[in-house]
Amino acid sequence: MNKKPVSKKPQAQGKHAQDKQTEDTHAQEKNEIRPGQSLELLKELHILTRDGKLNQDSRRKLKQVYHLYQFIEPLLQQVRNERGEVSLVDHGAGKSYLGFILYDLFFKALGDAGRSRIYGIETRDDLVQKSRELAQKLDFPGMSFLNLSVVDSTSSAELPDQIDIVTALHACNTATDDAIQFALKKKAKFMVLVPCCQAEVAAELRSHKSNDVKTNPLSELWRHPIHTREFGSQITNVLRCLQLEAHGYQVTVTELVGWEHSMKNELIIASYTGQPTRRSAVRLTEILQTTGLESLSSRFFIPQ
């Protein structure tokens, strides 16, 4: 009995389909990376693998930073058009994903011999050292990394008296408020803030329940522990926005990325107008009194 020869065609088709799928994946990843972006930088930041691929976690992280860049780039351009150069401080820089990508996409092309600068502020010395080494390796002369807390950076002689833009991406708990105070002292034209892990106000709501607060029906908003946490996070950002308006900033609040990517997602953008809003200062004081949070008045300070 003669055996039918086995056809190699399906195997060839399978290999062709696999190659096509690989090509499509690489094309998709290429489209997800901005034009002009240094692939070497993305590999050094472990966003890309050594063979140039993106995993799901890296794709999410890159999408978040790129989305934030869309908000920051026009602010950088406005300052540069007005002053000819621009300075930015990134608080709680961590591995400096944001700072490096900002430099690579915007600062690198300025050609102003490092007069425009990004300062990364971080308390973990190993991350500061690695960032310094990477900036040197990539020849990014306009990047500085300082091992300082946000509070210490406010009085540090290593930073100029005036900073154009202050960012704080997922600066935990009160570090966002410290970044705001830094920006106010440095007369920043813009602030871009993504708050994170806001526990201080929730703790105050739990511990300071005066009779005035208990008889206030609105206290039901934070009576249960889970509501205390959620309401504490919400009211923290409300107080921050009122504080900024009271200091002469126009405030926009939006989402950083879709909620499916991150729950720490609120983006606050403040632009200095030089016109303090008295109504916001009054409302801030009233809210602190109504909720029993007067002890936090020094943190959410308002101009006299």
Protein backbone atom coordinates (compact mmCIF):
# COMPACT_ATOMS: atom_id res chain seq x y z
CA MET A 1 0.00 0.00 0.00
CA ASN A 2 1.45 3.30 -1.11
CA LYS A 3 1.68 5.98 1.57
CA LYS A 4 0.72 9.51 0.72
CA PRO A 5 3.62 11.94 1.06
CA VAL A 6 3.23 14.24 4.00
CA SER A 7 2.70 17.81 2.89
CA LYS A 8 5.06 20.40 4.35
CA LYS A 9 2.75 23.25 3.40
CA PRO A 10 0.83 23.60 6.69
CA GLN A 11 4.12 23.75 8.61
CA ALA A 12 5.44 26.43 6.27
CA GLN A 13 2.21 28.35 6.65
CA GLY A 14 2.47 28.03 10.42
CA LYS A 15 6.00 29.40 10.40
CA HIS A 16 4.96 32.23 8.11
CA ALA A 17 2.05 33.08 10.44
CA GLN A 18 4.42 33.04 13.43
CA ASP A 19 6.90 35.32 11.67
CA LYS A 20 4.05 37.65 10.67
CA GLN A 21 2.82 37.73 14.27
CA THR A 22 6.33 38.61 15.49
CA GLU A 23 6.60 41.38 12.89
CA ASP A 24 3.17 42.74 13.93
CA THR A 25 4.22 42.70 17.60
CA HIS A 26 7.44 44.59 16.85
CA ALA A 27 5.52 47.08 14.70
CA GLN A 28 3.01 47.63 17.50
CA GLU A 29 5.79 48.16 20.05
CA LYS A 30 7.56 50.52 17.65
CA ASN A 31 4.37 52.55 17.31
CA GLU A 32 4.03 52.72 21.09
CA ILE A 33 7.44 54.37 21.42
CA ARG A 34 7.56 58.07 20.59
CA PRO A 35 9.58 59.22 17.57
CA GLY A 36 13.07 60.30 18.60
CA GLN A 37 12.95 58.32 21.84
CA SER A 38 16.29 56.72 22.70
CA LEU A 39 15.88 52.93 22.66
CA GLU A 40 19.10 52.65 24.63
CA LEU A 41 17.57 54.79 27.40
CA LEU A 42 14.44 52.62 27.51
CA LYS A 43 16.64 49.54 27.80
CA GLU A 44 18.69 51.09 30.58
CA LEU A 45 15.44 51.92 32.43
CA HIS A 46 14.35 48.28 31.86
CA ILE A 47 11.28 49.47 30.01
CA LEU A 48 12.54 47.63 26.93
CA THR A 49 14.24 44.25 27.09
CA ARG A 50 17.71 43.90 25.57
CA ASP A 51 16.14 42.65 22.32
CA GLY A 52 13.85 45.67 22.22
CA LYS A 53 10.57 44.17 23.44
CA LEU A 54 7.93 45.53 25.80
CA ASN A 55 6.26 43.39 28.44
CA GLN A 56 2.80 44.24 29.76
CA ASP A 57 4.05 45.97 32.90
CA SER A 58 6.54 48.08 30.94
CA ARG A 59 3.89 48.99 28.39
CA ARG A 60 1.63 50.25 31.19
CA LYS A 61 4.46 52.23 32.80
CA LEU A 62 5.53 53.77 29.49
CA LYS A 63 1.94 54.71 28.63
CA GLN A 64 1.59 56.47 31.97
CA VAL A 65 4.81 58.49 31.57
CA TYR A 66 4.01 59.40 27.96
CA HIS A 67 0.54 60.52 28.95
CA LEU A 68 2.04 62.73 31.66
CA TYR A 69 4.50 64.10 29.10
CA GLN A 70 1.56 65.29 27.00
CA PHE A 71 0.58 67.58 29.88
CA ILE A 72 4.11 68.72 30.73
CA GLU A 73 5.53 69.36 27.25
CA PRO A 74 3.38 72.46 26.52
CA LEU A 75 4.38 73.91 29.91
CA LEU A 76 8.07 73.35 29.14
CA GLN A 77 7.63 74.99 25.75
CA GLN A 78 5.80 78.00 27.22
CA VAL A 79 8.54 78.62 29.79
CA ARG A 80 11.26 78.25 27.18
CA ASN A 81 9.50 80.67 24.83
CA GLU A 82 9.30 83.20 27.65
CA ARG A 83 12.75 82.74 29.22
CA GLY A 84 14.90 80.96 26.66
CA GLU A 85 15.64 78.15 29.09
CA VAL A 86 13.70 76.05 31.59
CA SER A 87 14.25 74.36 34.96
CA LEU A 88 12.25 71.47 36.37
CA VAL A 89 12.43 69.71 39.74
CA ASP A 90 11.07 66.16 40.00
CA HIS A 91 10.35 65.28 43.64
CA GLY A 92 10.39 61.65 44.77
CA ALA A 93 12.16 60.84 41.52
CA GLY A 94 12.79 57.16 42.30
CA LYS A 95 14.51 55.64 39.26
CA SER A 96 13.80 58.90 37.40
CA TYR A 97 11.72 57.39 34.61
CA LEU A 98 9.91 60.69 34.20
CA GLY A 99 13.03 62.87 34.35
CA PHE A 100 15.00 60.81 31.84
CA ILE A 101 12.13 60.60 29.35
CA LEU A 102 11.45 64.35 29.68
CA TYR A 103 15.11 65.05 29.03
CA ASP A 104 15.30 62.64 26.10
CA LEU A 105 12.16 63.95 24.39
CA PHE A 106 12.48 67.68 25.13
CA PHE A 107 15.66 68.93 26.83
CA LYS A 108 18.12 66.96 24.69
CA ALA A 109 17.19 68.88 21.54
CA LEU A 110 17.49 72.35 23.12
CA GLY A 111 21.23 72.57 22.59
CA ASP A 112 21.74 75.15 25.33
CA ALA A 113 24.78 73.48 26.91
CA GLY A 114 22.87 72.28 29.95
CA ARG A 115 21.48 75.67 30.98
CA SER A 116 18.04 74.12 30.95
CA ARG A 117 18.06 71.55 33.74
CA ILE A 118 16.14 68.76 35.38
CA TYR A 119 16.77 68.12 39.07
CA GLY A 120 15.77 64.72 40.44
CA ILE A 121 15.19 64.76 44.22
CA GLU A 122 15.32 61.35 45.91
CA THR A 123 16.17 60.05 49.41
CA ARG A 124 17.50 56.61 48.36
CA ASP A 125 21.20 57.09 47.72
CA ASP A 126 21.57 53.98 45.53
CA LEU A 127 18.93 55.31 43.11
CA VAL A 128 20.57 58.74 43.07
CA GLN A 129 23.95 57.20 42.22
CA LYS A 130 22.50 55.00 39.47
CA SER A 131 20.70 57.97 37.94
CA ARG A 132 23.91 60.03 37.96
CA GLU A 133 25.79 57.21 36.25
CA LEU A 134 23.08 56.77 33.63
CA ALA A 135 22.94 60.52 32.85
CA GLN A 136 26.70 60.49 32.34
CA LYS A 137 26.57 57.36 30.18
CA LEU A 138 23.86 58.85 27.94
CA ASP A 139 25.56 62.28 27.86
CA PHE A 140 22.65 64.17 29.41
CA PRO A 141 24.57 67.15 30.86
CA GLY A 142 21.48 69.04 32.03
CA MET A 143 20.45 66.46 34.62
CA SER A 144 21.29 66.64 38.33
CA PHE A 145 20.33 64.18 41.05
CA LEU A 146 20.32 65.12 44.72
CA ASN A 147 20.00 62.89 47.76
CA LEU A 148 17.57 65.08 49.69
CA SER A 149 14.14 64.88 51.25
CA VAL A 150 11.52 67.20 49.77
CA VAL A 151 11.63 69.27 52.97
CA ASP A 152 15.45 69.59 52.91
CA SER A 153 15.43 70.51 49.23
CA THR A 154 13.44 73.65 50.03
CA SER A 155 16.45 75.20 51.78
CA SER A 156 19.25 73.43 49.88
CA ALA A 157 21.94 75.62 48.31
CA GLU A 158 22.29 73.00 45.55
CA LEU A 159 19.09 74.25 43.94
CA PRO A 160 18.46 77.68 42.39
CA ASP A 161 16.24 80.24 44.09
CA GLN A 162 13.61 79.96 41.38
CA ILE A 163 12.30 76.85 39.61
CA ASP A 164 9.96 76.96 36.63
CA ILE A 165 8.15 73.63 36.94
CA VAL A 166 7.76 71.25 39.87
CA THR A 167 6.56 67.67 39.40
CA ALA A 168 5.73 65.02 42.00
CA LEU A 169 4.62 61.71 40.52
CA HIS A 170 3.17 59.40 43.21
CA ALA A 171 4.89 61.31 46.02
CA CYS A 172 3.58 59.46 49.07
CA ASN A 173 1.34 61.00 51.71
CA THR A 174 2.65 64.38 52.90
CA ALA A 175 5.50 64.45 50.35
CA THR A 176 3.04 65.99 47.88
CA ASP A 177 2.33 68.79 50.36
CA ASP A 178 6.08 69.28 50.87
CA ALA A 179 6.47 69.51 47.08
CA ILE A 180 3.74 72.18 47.02
CA GLN A 181 5.51 74.17 49.73
CA PHE A 182 8.78 73.81 47.80
CA ALA A 183 7.09 75.09 44.64
CA LEU A 184 5.52 78.03 46.48
CA LYS A 185 8.88 79.03 47.94
CA LYS A 186 10.63 78.64 44.58
CA LYS A 187 7.91 80.71 42.85
CA ALA A 188 7.21 77.92 40.39
CA LYS A 189 5.16 78.88 37.36
CA PHE A 190 3.70 75.40 37.06
CA MET A 191 3.10 72.36 39.27
CA VAL A 192 2.21 68.89 38.00
CA LEU A 193 1.20 66.57 40.86
CA VAL A 194 -0.03 62.98 41.07
CA PRO A 195 -0.70 62.40 44.80
CA CYS A 196 -0.33 59.00 46.42
CA CYS A 197 -1.01 57.10 49.69
CA GLN A 198 -2.73 59.96 51.49
CA ALA A 199 -3.04 58.73 55.07
CA GLU A 200 -2.42 61.81 57.23
CA VAL A 201 -5.83 63.44 56.86
CA ALA A 202 -7.65 60.13 57.31
CA ALA A 203 -5.77 59.59 60.58
CA GLU A 204 -6.79 63.07 61.74
CA LEU A 205 -10.41 62.43 60.82
CA ARG A 206 -10.37 59.30 62.97
CA SER A 207 -8.72 60.90 66.00
CA HIS A 208 -10.38 64.33 66.10
CA LYS A 209 -14.12 63.92 66.45
CA SER A 210 -15.27 66.87 68.54
CA ASN A 211 -18.91 67.40 69.45
CA ASP A 212 -19.22 69.95 66.67
CA VAL A 213 -18.06 67.34 64.18
CA LYS A 214 -20.22 64.56 65.63
CA THR A 215 -23.37 66.67 65.36
CA ASN A 216 -22.54 67.61 61.78
CA PRO A 217 -24.52 65.26 59.49
CA LEU A 218 -21.73 65.43 56.92
CA SER A 219 -19.54 63.46 59.34
CA GLU A 220 -21.40 60.39 58.07
CA LEU A 221 -19.19 60.72 55.00
CA TRP A 222 -16.25 59.39 57.01
CA ARG A 223 -17.84 57.45 59.90
CA HIS A 224 -17.01 53.96 58.58
CA PRO A 225 -13.29 53.07 58.34
CA ILE A 226 -13.28 52.43 54.57
CA HIS A 227 -15.11 55.73 54.04
CA THR A 228 -12.60 57.47 56.32
CA ARG A 229 -9.79 56.33 54.06
CA GLU A 230 -11.56 57.25 50.82
CA PHE A 231 -12.94 60.55 52.08
CA GLY A 232 -9.55 61.40 53.63
CA SER A 233 -7.87 60.96 50.23
CA GLN A 234 -10.56 63.00 48.48
CA ILE A 235 -10.58 65.90 50.92
CA THR A 236 -6.77 66.02 50.96
CA ASN A 237 -6.70 66.87 47.28
CA VAL A 238 -9.61 69.31 47.65
CA LEU A 239 -7.66 71.17 50.35
CA ARG A 240 -4.54 71.19 48.17
CA CYS A 241 -6.46 72.71 45.25
CA LEU A 242 -7.97 75.40 47.47
CA GLN A 243 -4.54 76.17 48.90
CA LEU A 244 -3.05 76.57 45.43
CA GLU A 245 -5.89 78.85 44.32
CA ALA A 246 -5.43 80.93 47.46
CA HIS A 247 -1.77 81.38 46.47
CA GLY A 248 -2.63 82.62 42.99
CA TYR A 249 -2.69 79.44 40.90
CA GLN A 250 -5.28 78.32 38.41
CA VAL A 251 -5.94 74.63 39.07
CA THR A 252 -7.03 71.83 36.74
CA VAL A 253 -7.85 68.35 38.06
CA THR A 254 -8.09 65.39 35.70
CA GLU A 255 -7.16 61.71 35.31
CA LEU A 256 -3.61 60.69 34.57
CA VAL A 257 -4.56 57.44 32.83
CA GLY A 258 -7.62 55.20 32.81
CA TRP A 259 -8.62 53.67 36.14
CA GLU A 260 -7.89 50.22 34.75
CA HIS A 261 -4.17 51.09 34.86
CA SER A 262 -3.85 52.78 38.25
CA MET A 263 -6.04 53.75 41.19
CA LYS A 264 -3.54 56.46 42.14
CA ASN A 265 -4.72 58.43 39.24
CA GLU A 266 -5.63 62.03 40.09
CA LEU A 267 -3.57 64.61 38.23
CA ILE A 268 -3.40 68.18 39.56
CA ILE A 269 -1.97 70.87 37.28
CA ALA A 270 -1.45 74.34 38.74
CA SER A 271 -0.52 77.42 36.69
CA TYR A 272 0.53 80.64 38.41
CA THR A 273 -1.65 83.62 37.53
CA GLY A 274 -0.58 86.04 40.27
CA GLN A 275 -4.21 86.51 41.32
CA PRO A 276 -4.86 84.87 44.72
CA THR A 277 -8.46 83.74 45.23
CA ARG A 278 -9.74 84.95 48.59
CA ARG A 279 -12.85 82.78 48.36
CA SER A 280 -10.68 79.65 48.16
CA ALA A 281 -8.76 80.70 51.28
CA VAL A 282 -12.04 81.20 53.17
CA ARG A 283 -13.44 77.86 51.98
CA LEU A 284 -10.22 76.07 53.00
CA THR A 285 -10.48 77.45 56.53
CA GLU A 286 -14.18 76.58 56.75
CA ILE A 287 -13.58 72.99 55.64
CA LEU A 288 -10.78 72.50 58.18
CA GLN A 289 -13.10 73.75 60.93
CA THR A 290 -16.15 71.75 59.78
CA THR A 291 -14.23 68.48 59.61
CA GLY A 292 -12.20 68.97 62.79
CA LEU A 293 -8.93 69.27 60.88
CA GLU A 294 -7.77 72.62 62.30
CA SER A 295 -4.55 70.93 63.48
CA LEU A 296 -3.51 70.68 59.81
CA SER A 297 -3.77 74.42 59.17
CA SER A 298 0.01 74.79 59.02
CA ARG A 299 0.25 72.14 56.31
CA PHE A 300 -2.45 73.66 54.14
CA PHE A 301 -1.24 77.16 54.88
CA ILE A 302 -2.78 80.14 53.15
CA PRO A 303 -1.26 83.57 52.46
CA GLN A 304 -1.94 86.28 55.00
